[in-house]
Amino acid sequence: MLKTRIAVFVSGGGTNLQALIDAQLRGEIPSGEIALVLASNDGAYALTRAEQNNIASVVVKRKNFDTQDAYEAHVKEVMAEHNIDMIVLAGFMSILGEGFTSAYPKRIVNVHPALIPSFCGKGFYGLHVHEAALEYGVKVTGATVHYVNEIPDGGEIILQKAVEILDGDTPEVLQKRVMEEAEWILLPKAVELVAKKLKQ
């Protein structure tokens, strides 16, 4: 059976990539396979994770291109070379413009560490999201997996999961709990949902 070929875009440690690799090994993504890891920097530990699991990887740095268009055109070429059907943004810190996202409608998903529409959009990434949630005093946060379009965190929601905020939480503690209780559970499920849909 032909599987949906997935590229995972990363910038750092690749903990969400690892969650996907583990889910794939457990047979939880039967409709898809991780065929490529694309990193925005050559120091990303995610590249080591790819290598350990025999997954092809490539580094594409935005600063090596004069324009956003040239950068996105190159990333598209890489996707075509590897016959990629679907893209997962897993802690990817480079911005992808409409020229890129519109080429893959309902084929790019992102995991965001909050319950969209709360604490999302421009500037809300990484620890900033958890700092904002704590500062605001919300009692529940969580994670959202959504389709990616030209608006930051603006695409259609695929799955969400709530996580309680506990007394004494720091942004770091909360970040870890949201990953463990929401992101790492939701992302493989959402990837399988989309991969299955793309095969129909």
Protein backbone atom coordinates (compact mmCIF):
# COMPACT_ATOMS: atom_id res chain seq x y z
CA MET A 1 0.00 0.00 0.00
CA LEU A 2 1.37 3.40 -0.94
CA LYS A 3 1.91 5.66 2.04
CA THR A 4 1.67 9.45 2.23
CA ARG A 5 5.26 10.71 2.19
CA ILE A 6 5.85 13.15 5.03
CA ALA A 7 8.54 15.81 5.51
CA VAL A 8 9.07 17.13 9.05
CA PHE A 9 10.45 20.69 9.25
CA VAL A 10 12.52 21.39 12.38
CA SER A 11 14.79 24.03 13.89
CA GLY A 12 15.97 22.60 17.19
CA GLY A 13 15.92 19.53 19.40
CA GLY A 14 13.21 17.73 17.51
CA THR A 15 11.17 16.43 20.45
CA ASN A 16 7.99 16.53 18.35
CA LEU A 17 9.86 14.77 15.54
CA GLN A 18 10.82 12.07 18.07
CA ALA A 19 7.17 11.74 19.12
CA LEU A 20 6.28 11.16 15.46
CA ILE A 21 9.12 8.65 14.94
CA ASP A 22 8.04 6.75 18.07
CA ALA A 23 4.41 6.75 16.94
CA GLN A 24 5.47 5.49 13.50
CA LEU A 25 7.48 2.67 15.14
CA ARG A 26 4.41 1.74 17.22
CA GLY A 27 2.34 1.53 14.03
CA GLU A 28 0.20 4.57 14.86
CA ILE A 29 0.74 6.31 11.50
CA PRO A 30 -0.18 3.46 9.13
CA SER A 31 -1.16 5.82 6.30
CA GLY A 32 2.08 7.79 6.25
CA GLU A 33 5.84 7.53 6.51
CA ILE A 34 8.42 10.12 7.54
CA ALA A 35 10.49 10.37 4.38
CA LEU A 36 12.50 13.53 5.09
CA VAL A 37 13.61 15.87 7.87
CA LEU A 38 14.33 19.45 6.79
CA ALA A 39 16.24 21.58 9.29
CA SER A 40 16.71 25.35 9.27
CA ASN A 41 20.16 25.03 10.83
CA ASP A 42 22.90 22.41 10.76
CA GLY A 43 23.17 22.34 14.55
CA ALA A 44 19.64 21.05 15.10
CA TYR A 45 19.66 17.91 17.23
CA ALA A 46 16.67 16.78 15.18
CA LEU A 47 19.19 15.89 12.43
CA THR A 48 20.79 13.35 14.77
CA ARG A 49 17.36 11.87 15.48
CA ALA A 50 16.77 11.53 11.72
CA GLU A 51 20.14 9.84 11.24
CA GLN A 52 19.53 7.39 14.11
CA ASN A 53 16.29 6.35 12.45
CA ASN A 54 17.61 6.16 8.88
CA ILE A 55 15.49 9.09 7.70
CA ALA A 56 16.90 11.30 4.93
CA SER A 57 17.66 14.85 6.06
CA VAL A 58 18.58 18.19 4.50
CA VAL A 59 19.57 21.60 5.88
CA VAL A 60 18.15 24.71 4.22
CA LYS A 61 19.13 28.04 5.80
CA ARG A 62 17.05 31.10 5.03
CA LYS A 63 20.12 33.36 5.25
CA ASN A 64 21.72 31.57 2.28
CA PHE A 65 19.07 33.04 -0.03
CA ASP A 66 18.73 36.66 -1.11
CA THR A 67 14.94 36.65 -1.06
CA GLN A 68 12.10 34.79 0.62
CA ASP A 69 10.90 33.72 -2.85
CA ALA A 70 14.27 32.16 -3.71
CA TYR A 71 14.32 30.36 -0.36
CA GLU A 72 10.79 29.01 -0.78
CA ALA A 73 11.46 27.98 -4.39
CA HIS A 74 14.44 25.94 -3.19
CA VAL A 75 12.40 24.26 -0.42
CA LYS A 76 9.74 23.38 -3.02
CA GLU A 77 12.44 21.79 -5.20
CA VAL A 78 13.63 19.70 -2.25
CA MET A 79 10.03 18.57 -1.61
CA ALA A 80 9.65 17.56 -5.26
CA GLU A 81 12.97 15.66 -5.25
CA HIS A 82 11.80 13.57 -2.31
CA ASN A 83 8.21 13.16 -3.63
CA ILE A 84 6.79 14.72 -0.48
CA ASP A 85 2.98 14.71 -0.12
CA MET A 86 2.64 16.34 3.28
CA ILE A 87 4.63 18.67 5.56
CA VAL A 88 4.67 18.80 9.37
CA LEU A 89 6.06 21.91 11.06
CA ALA A 90 7.53 20.72 14.36
CA GLY A 91 9.20 23.66 16.05
CA PHE A 92 10.19 25.21 12.72
CA MET A 93 11.35 28.79 13.26
CA SER A 94 11.55 30.02 9.66
CA ILE A 95 8.50 31.76 8.25
CA LEU A 96 6.85 30.27 5.17
CA GLY A 97 4.92 32.79 3.08
CA GLU A 98 1.74 32.47 1.06
CA GLY A 99 3.77 31.58 -2.04
CA PHE A 100 4.79 28.39 -0.25
CA THR A 101 1.73 27.54 1.82
CA SER A 102 -0.68 28.01 -1.10
CA ALA A 103 1.29 25.41 -3.08
CA TYR A 104 0.36 22.78 -0.46
CA PRO A 105 -3.28 23.44 0.50
CA LYS A 106 -4.36 21.23 3.43
CA ARG A 107 -1.01 19.47 3.20
CA ILE A 108 0.92 21.41 5.85
CA VAL A 109 0.18 20.96 9.56
CA ASN A 110 1.64 22.71 12.60
CA VAL A 111 1.50 22.03 16.32
CA HIS A 112 0.98 25.10 18.51
CA PRO A 113 1.44 24.93 22.32
CA ALA A 114 -1.84 26.63 23.28
CA LEU A 115 -5.56 26.34 22.61
CA ILE A 116 -6.02 28.48 19.49
CA PRO A 117 -7.41 31.19 19.29
CA SER A 118 -5.72 31.93 22.65
CA PHE A 119 -2.04 32.92 22.73
CA CYS A 120 -1.36 32.48 19.05
CA GLY A 121 -0.25 34.47 16.02
CA LYS A 122 2.81 36.59 15.45
CA GLY A 123 5.36 36.45 18.26
CA PHE A 124 3.71 33.55 20.07
CA TYR A 125 6.17 30.67 19.87
CA GLY A 126 8.16 28.52 22.28
CA LEU A 127 8.26 29.68 25.89
CA HIS A 128 6.58 33.01 25.00
CA VAL A 129 3.27 31.14 24.68
CA HIS A 130 3.51 29.62 28.17
CA GLU A 131 4.71 32.89 29.70
CA ALA A 132 1.65 34.63 28.25
CA ALA A 133 -0.74 31.94 29.53
CA LEU A 134 0.68 32.17 33.07
CA GLU A 135 0.71 35.96 33.00
CA TYR A 136 -2.92 36.05 31.94
CA GLY A 137 -3.87 33.63 34.70
CA VAL A 138 -5.79 31.08 32.61
CA LYS A 139 -6.50 27.80 34.39
CA VAL A 140 -6.40 25.64 31.27
CA THR A 141 -4.03 25.67 28.31
CA GLY A 142 -3.15 22.90 25.88
CA ALA A 143 -2.06 22.28 22.32
CA THR A 144 -3.58 22.63 18.86
CA VAL A 145 -2.69 20.92 15.60
CA HIS A 146 -3.91 22.97 12.66
CA TYR A 147 -3.53 23.33 8.92
CA VAL A 148 -1.06 26.02 7.88
CA ASN A 149 -2.08 28.92 5.65
CA GLU A 150 -0.65 32.39 5.07
CA ILE A 151 -1.83 33.68 8.50
CA PRO A 152 0.37 32.68 11.48
CA ASP A 153 -1.61 30.03 13.42
CA GLY A 154 -4.62 30.92 11.25
CA GLY A 155 -5.43 27.65 9.48
CA GLU A 156 -8.31 25.30 10.21
CA ILE A 157 -8.02 23.39 13.50
CA ILE A 158 -7.58 19.62 13.20
CA LEU A 159 -7.29 18.54 16.86
CA GLN A 160 -7.00 20.16 20.29
CA LYS A 161 -6.28 18.87 23.78
CA ALA A 162 -6.53 20.75 27.06
CA VAL A 163 -3.91 20.70 29.81
CA GLU A 164 -4.50 22.04 33.32
CA ILE A 165 -2.30 24.78 34.70
CA LEU A 166 -1.16 23.99 38.23
CA ASP A 167 -0.17 26.25 41.11
CA GLY A 168 3.54 27.02 41.00
CA ASP A 169 3.92 26.30 37.28
CA THR A 170 6.82 28.06 35.60
CA PRO A 171 6.88 28.54 31.81
CA GLU A 172 9.45 25.71 31.57
CA VAL A 173 7.42 23.27 33.69
CA LEU A 174 4.25 24.13 31.78
CA GLN A 175 6.00 23.75 28.42
CA LYS A 176 7.11 20.23 29.35
CA ARG A 177 3.63 19.22 30.58
CA VAL A 178 1.94 20.58 27.44
CA MET A 179 4.39 18.59 25.30
CA GLU A 180 3.93 15.35 27.22
CA GLU A 181 0.17 15.56 27.81
CA ALA A 182 -0.93 17.20 24.56
CA GLU A 183 1.58 17.83 21.75
CA TRP A 184 3.13 14.37 21.61
CA ILE A 185 -0.30 12.72 21.72
CA LEU A 186 -2.10 15.02 19.28
CA LEU A 187 0.55 15.34 16.61
CA PRO A 188 0.76 11.66 15.57
CA LYS A 189 -3.06 11.41 15.61
CA ALA A 190 -3.45 14.51 13.43
CA VAL A 191 -0.69 13.38 11.06
CA GLU A 192 -2.43 10.03 10.57
CA LEU A 193 -5.79 11.77 9.96
CA VAL A 194 -4.32 14.00 7.25
CA ALA A 195 -2.11 11.29 5.73
CA LYS A 196 -5.14 9.00 5.43
CA LYS A 197 -7.20 11.76 3.81
CA LEU A 198 -4.46 12.49 1.25
CA LYS A 199 -4.41 8.85 0.16
CA GLN A 200 -8.14 8.70 -0.59
